[in-house]
Amino acid sequence: MPEDKNATVYEVFREAVDEYSDHKGDDLLTDPAAVAAAREKVLERDAVTPAQNLRAAREKRGFSIQELSQRTGIAQSELEQVEAGQIMLPLGQVIKLSKVLSLKMADMISIGDKAFTIVRAGERSEVQRFGKAKQASHGYEYVSLAPGKKDRLMEPFLVTLHPASSDEPSSHDGQEFIYVLDGEMEVIVDNVKDILKPGDSIYYDSSTTHLVRAHGDKPAQILAVLIS
């Protein structure tokens, strides 16, 4: 009788083990999908965000928020919101800020760690220059098309320009290439003003005073490549 009981216990034990055998699946420690998911959670938890990177760079150089504001011409309240991860600055200001802090533009946009990156159409991460209440009437939002690439020299963006009247010309280091995908874009470089339509493009030195915005009362979508 004891032998029969032992045999039954052993059979139950074997059935439990078999549930995690190669042909019936894996447990949390050996299942590749589960391990990958757990690793992703750890990476997300430990990842350094651009906002954290900005604050660390500022503190490393001994700049207060007020001093950084004076050096860049960016409002102190906006810098505080950037460090809190609440807003993203216009691209021209991002470049100015990165120069003052001796950072790459990539450090301000996204910190990549891959040799190459593929961004699917449905997986883009959008950044709005203004809040949603304002975005509908003016401003722009942009999508980084290479956020995961490490050591980026170029920053490609898909930008939607909304009709605006408050934007001002800017200048900063680098160069810019813009290709109009949809709608019409007004561009001002130095004292030259022109209207670009779908299929048109422009390439200029960013150190030249410039401004791009939607022309008319409809949004424009552009592909913009920046080198800082």
Protein backbone atom coordinates (compact mmCIF):
# COMPACT_ATOMS: atom_id res chain seq x y z
CA MET A 1 0.00 0.00 0.00
CA PRO A 2 2.74 2.50 0.91
CA GLU A 3 4.41 1.67 -2.40
CA ASP A 4 1.20 2.53 -4.28
CA LYS A 5 0.91 5.82 -2.35
CA ASN A 6 4.50 6.72 -3.13
CA ALA A 7 3.93 5.92 -6.78
CA THR A 8 0.88 8.20 -6.86
CA VAL A 9 2.78 11.06 -5.23
CA TYR A 10 5.62 10.57 -7.71
CA GLU A 11 3.21 10.63 -10.64
CA VAL A 12 1.70 13.91 -9.40
CA PHE A 13 5.20 15.33 -9.03
CA ARG A 14 6.16 14.23 -12.55
CA GLU A 15 2.99 15.78 -13.99
CA ALA A 16 3.84 19.09 -12.33
CA VAL A 17 7.38 18.98 -13.69
CA ASP A 18 6.12 18.05 -17.13
CA GLU A 19 4.06 21.23 -17.22
CA TYR A 20 7.35 23.14 -17.52
CA SER A 21 9.19 20.75 -19.81
CA ASP A 22 10.56 21.83 -23.20
CA HIS A 23 7.59 20.57 -25.11
CA LYS A 24 4.94 22.04 -22.78
CA GLY A 25 6.35 25.48 -22.09
CA ASP A 26 8.55 27.29 -19.58
CA ASP A 27 8.20 28.99 -16.25
CA LEU A 28 8.92 32.66 -15.55
CA LEU A 29 12.66 32.02 -15.19
CA THR A 30 13.12 30.13 -18.43
CA ASP A 31 10.41 31.42 -20.75
CA PRO A 32 12.19 33.76 -23.22
CA ALA A 33 9.13 35.99 -23.56
CA ALA A 34 8.74 36.34 -19.80
CA VAL A 35 12.44 37.07 -19.33
CA ALA A 36 12.35 39.68 -22.10
CA ALA A 37 9.30 41.35 -20.56
CA ALA A 38 10.93 41.46 -17.14
CA ARG A 39 14.13 42.87 -18.61
CA GLU A 40 12.14 45.56 -20.42
CA LYS A 41 10.51 46.61 -17.14
CA VAL A 42 13.92 46.91 -15.49
CA LEU A 43 15.27 48.98 -18.38
CA GLU A 44 12.25 51.27 -18.26
CA ARG A 45 12.66 51.70 -14.51
CA ASP A 46 16.38 52.45 -14.71
CA ALA A 47 16.32 54.47 -17.95
CA VAL A 48 17.61 58.03 -17.86
CA THR A 49 15.11 60.40 -19.45
CA PRO A 50 16.10 63.54 -21.38
CA ALA A 51 14.61 65.61 -18.55
CA GLN A 52 16.80 63.85 -15.99
CA ASN A 53 19.79 64.19 -18.30
CA LEU A 54 19.18 67.93 -18.58
CA ARG A 55 19.01 68.44 -14.83
CA ALA A 56 22.12 66.32 -14.22
CA ALA A 57 24.07 68.29 -16.86
CA ARG A 58 22.94 71.61 -15.39
CA GLU A 59 23.89 70.62 -11.85
CA LYS A 60 27.22 69.18 -13.01
CA ARG A 61 28.13 72.58 -14.44
CA GLY A 62 26.94 74.36 -11.33
CA PHE A 63 24.20 76.32 -13.10
CA SER A 64 21.05 77.32 -11.29
CA ILE A 65 17.80 77.36 -13.25
CA GLN A 66 17.98 81.15 -13.21
CA GLU A 67 21.54 81.21 -14.57
CA LEU A 68 20.69 78.70 -17.29
CA SER A 69 17.76 80.90 -18.25
CA GLN A 70 20.06 83.92 -18.56
CA ARG A 71 22.60 82.00 -20.65
CA THR A 72 20.03 80.57 -23.08
CA GLY A 73 17.36 83.26 -23.14
CA ILE A 74 14.76 80.61 -22.27
CA ALA A 75 12.24 81.53 -19.58
CA GLN A 76 12.98 80.05 -16.17
CA SER A 77 9.42 78.75 -15.86
CA GLU A 78 9.80 76.85 -19.14
CA LEU A 79 13.10 75.30 -18.03
CA GLU A 80 11.47 74.15 -14.80
CA GLN A 81 8.70 72.49 -16.79
CA VAL A 82 11.26 70.84 -19.09
CA GLU A 83 13.18 69.39 -16.14
CA ALA A 84 9.90 68.12 -14.71
CA GLY A 85 9.22 66.33 -18.00
CA GLN A 86 6.06 68.37 -18.55
CA ILE A 87 6.93 70.12 -21.83
CA MET A 88 9.40 69.92 -24.69
CA LEU A 89 11.04 73.05 -26.06
CA PRO A 90 10.97 74.18 -29.70
CA LEU A 91 13.75 72.47 -31.62
CA GLY A 92 15.80 75.66 -31.97
CA GLN A 93 15.80 76.16 -28.20
CA VAL A 94 16.67 72.50 -27.65
CA ILE A 95 19.83 73.06 -29.69
CA LYS A 96 20.73 76.25 -27.81
CA LEU A 97 20.24 74.50 -24.50
CA SER A 98 22.34 71.51 -25.52
CA LYS A 99 25.19 73.81 -26.60
CA VAL A 100 25.26 75.71 -23.30
CA LEU A 101 25.33 72.43 -21.37
CA SER A 102 27.82 70.76 -23.75
CA LEU A 103 25.30 68.07 -24.62
CA LYS A 104 24.40 66.57 -27.97
CA MET A 105 20.96 67.33 -29.34
CA ALA A 106 20.28 63.61 -29.10
CA ASP A 107 20.68 63.80 -25.32
CA MET A 108 17.81 66.30 -25.24
CA ILE A 109 15.50 64.34 -27.56
CA SER A 110 16.04 60.69 -26.70
CA ILE A 111 18.98 58.67 -25.44
CA GLY A 112 19.47 55.80 -27.87
CA ASP A 113 21.45 52.61 -27.31
CA LYS A 114 21.00 50.69 -30.58
CA ALA A 115 23.25 50.31 -33.61
CA PHE A 116 20.22 50.99 -35.83
CA THR A 117 16.57 51.70 -35.23
CA ILE A 118 13.36 51.06 -37.13
CA VAL A 119 10.31 53.15 -36.25
CA ARG A 120 7.01 51.67 -37.42
CA ALA A 121 4.25 54.05 -38.45
CA GLY A 122 2.09 53.05 -35.50
CA GLU A 123 4.89 53.23 -32.93
CA ARG A 124 5.93 56.87 -33.20
CA SER A 125 6.23 58.89 -30.01
CA GLU A 126 4.80 62.37 -30.48
CA VAL A 127 6.05 65.52 -28.73
CA GLN A 128 3.82 68.58 -28.64
CA ARG A 129 5.39 72.00 -28.42
CA PHE A 130 2.27 73.44 -26.81
CA GLY A 131 -0.46 71.83 -24.76
CA LYS A 132 -3.45 70.31 -26.52
CA ALA A 133 -5.59 73.39 -25.89
CA LYS A 134 -3.20 75.57 -27.88
CA GLN A 135 -2.05 72.97 -30.38
CA ALA A 136 -5.34 73.09 -32.25
CA SER A 137 -4.82 76.74 -33.18
CA HIS A 138 -1.07 77.23 -33.36
CA GLY A 139 2.32 75.72 -32.64
CA TYR A 140 3.56 72.35 -33.77
CA GLU A 141 4.22 68.81 -32.69
CA TYR A 142 7.09 66.63 -33.83
CA VAL A 143 8.00 62.97 -33.90
CA SER A 144 11.56 61.72 -33.68
CA LEU A 145 12.15 59.15 -36.44
CA ALA A 146 15.32 57.68 -34.93
CA PRO A 147 14.94 57.80 -31.12
CA GLY A 148 16.76 54.54 -30.43
CA LYS A 149 19.88 55.11 -32.54
CA LYS A 150 22.98 55.72 -30.48
CA ASP A 151 25.62 58.34 -31.39
CA ARG A 152 23.26 60.12 -33.78
CA LEU A 153 24.76 62.85 -35.96
CA MET A 154 21.43 63.70 -37.60
CA GLU A 155 18.02 64.23 -36.01
CA PRO A 156 15.17 63.35 -38.42
CA PHE A 157 11.69 64.53 -37.46
CA LEU A 158 8.18 64.31 -38.82
CA VAL A 159 6.71 67.72 -37.98
CA THR A 160 3.14 68.98 -38.17
CA LEU A 161 3.01 72.79 -38.34
CA HIS A 162 -0.22 74.41 -37.20
CA PRO A 163 -1.25 77.91 -38.31
CA ALA A 164 0.64 80.33 -36.05
CA SER A 165 1.12 84.04 -35.66
CA SER A 166 3.23 84.15 -32.50
CA ASP A 167 6.40 82.37 -33.65
CA GLU A 168 9.54 84.44 -34.06
CA PRO A 169 12.67 83.88 -36.21
CA SER A 170 15.54 82.09 -34.50
CA SER A 171 19.15 81.13 -35.15
CA HIS A 172 21.39 78.43 -33.70
CA ASP A 173 24.25 76.17 -34.66
CA GLY A 174 23.89 73.50 -37.33
CA GLN A 175 22.08 72.94 -40.60
CA GLU A 176 18.52 72.00 -41.53
CA PHE A 177 16.90 70.18 -44.43
CA ILE A 178 13.13 70.36 -44.84
CA TYR A 179 10.92 68.49 -47.32
CA VAL A 180 7.24 69.41 -47.51
CA LEU A 181 4.94 66.38 -47.43
CA ASP A 182 1.50 67.95 -47.16
CA GLY A 183 -0.01 71.43 -47.01
CA GLU A 184 1.95 74.63 -47.57
CA MET A 185 4.86 76.01 -45.53
CA GLU A 186 6.07 79.58 -45.32
CA VAL A 187 9.83 79.90 -44.87
CA ILE A 188 11.86 83.01 -44.06
CA VAL A 189 15.66 82.83 -44.30
CA ASP A 190 17.37 86.16 -43.64
CA ASN A 191 15.14 88.61 -45.53
CA VAL A 192 13.98 86.11 -48.13
CA LYS A 193 10.41 84.80 -47.84
CA ASP A 194 8.93 81.98 -49.87
CA ILE A 195 6.08 79.46 -49.90
CA LEU A 196 6.89 75.77 -50.25
CA LYS A 197 4.34 73.21 -51.42
CA PRO A 198 4.33 69.38 -51.35
CA GLY A 199 7.47 68.08 -53.04
CA ASP A 200 9.42 71.29 -52.43
CA SER A 201 12.45 71.32 -50.13
CA ILE A 202 14.95 73.72 -48.60
CA TYR A 203 18.40 73.35 -47.04
CA TYR A 204 20.02 76.15 -45.03
CA ASP A 205 22.50 76.96 -42.28
CA SER A 206 20.67 77.18 -38.97
CA SER A 207 22.98 80.02 -37.91
CA THR A 208 21.09 82.16 -40.43
CA THR A 209 18.02 83.83 -38.95
CA HIS A 210 15.11 81.66 -40.05
CA LEU A 211 11.48 80.82 -39.46
CA VAL A 212 9.22 78.09 -40.81
CA ARG A 213 5.47 77.92 -40.24
CA ALA A 214 2.27 76.72 -41.85
CA HIS A 215 1.02 78.93 -44.64
CA GLY A 216 -2.65 79.79 -44.66
CA ASP A 217 -5.23 78.37 -42.29
CA LYS A 218 -4.39 74.68 -42.65
CA PRO A 219 -1.62 72.55 -41.07
CA ALA A 220 1.45 71.51 -43.01
CA GLN A 221 3.39 68.29 -42.56
CA ILE A 222 7.13 68.26 -43.19
CA LEU A 223 10.13 65.98 -42.92
CA ALA A 224 12.90 67.89 -41.14
CA VAL A 225 16.49 66.71 -40.69
CA LEU A 226 18.65 68.71 -38.27
CA ILE A 227 22.39 68.57 -37.71
CA SER A 228 23.70 70.48 -34.73
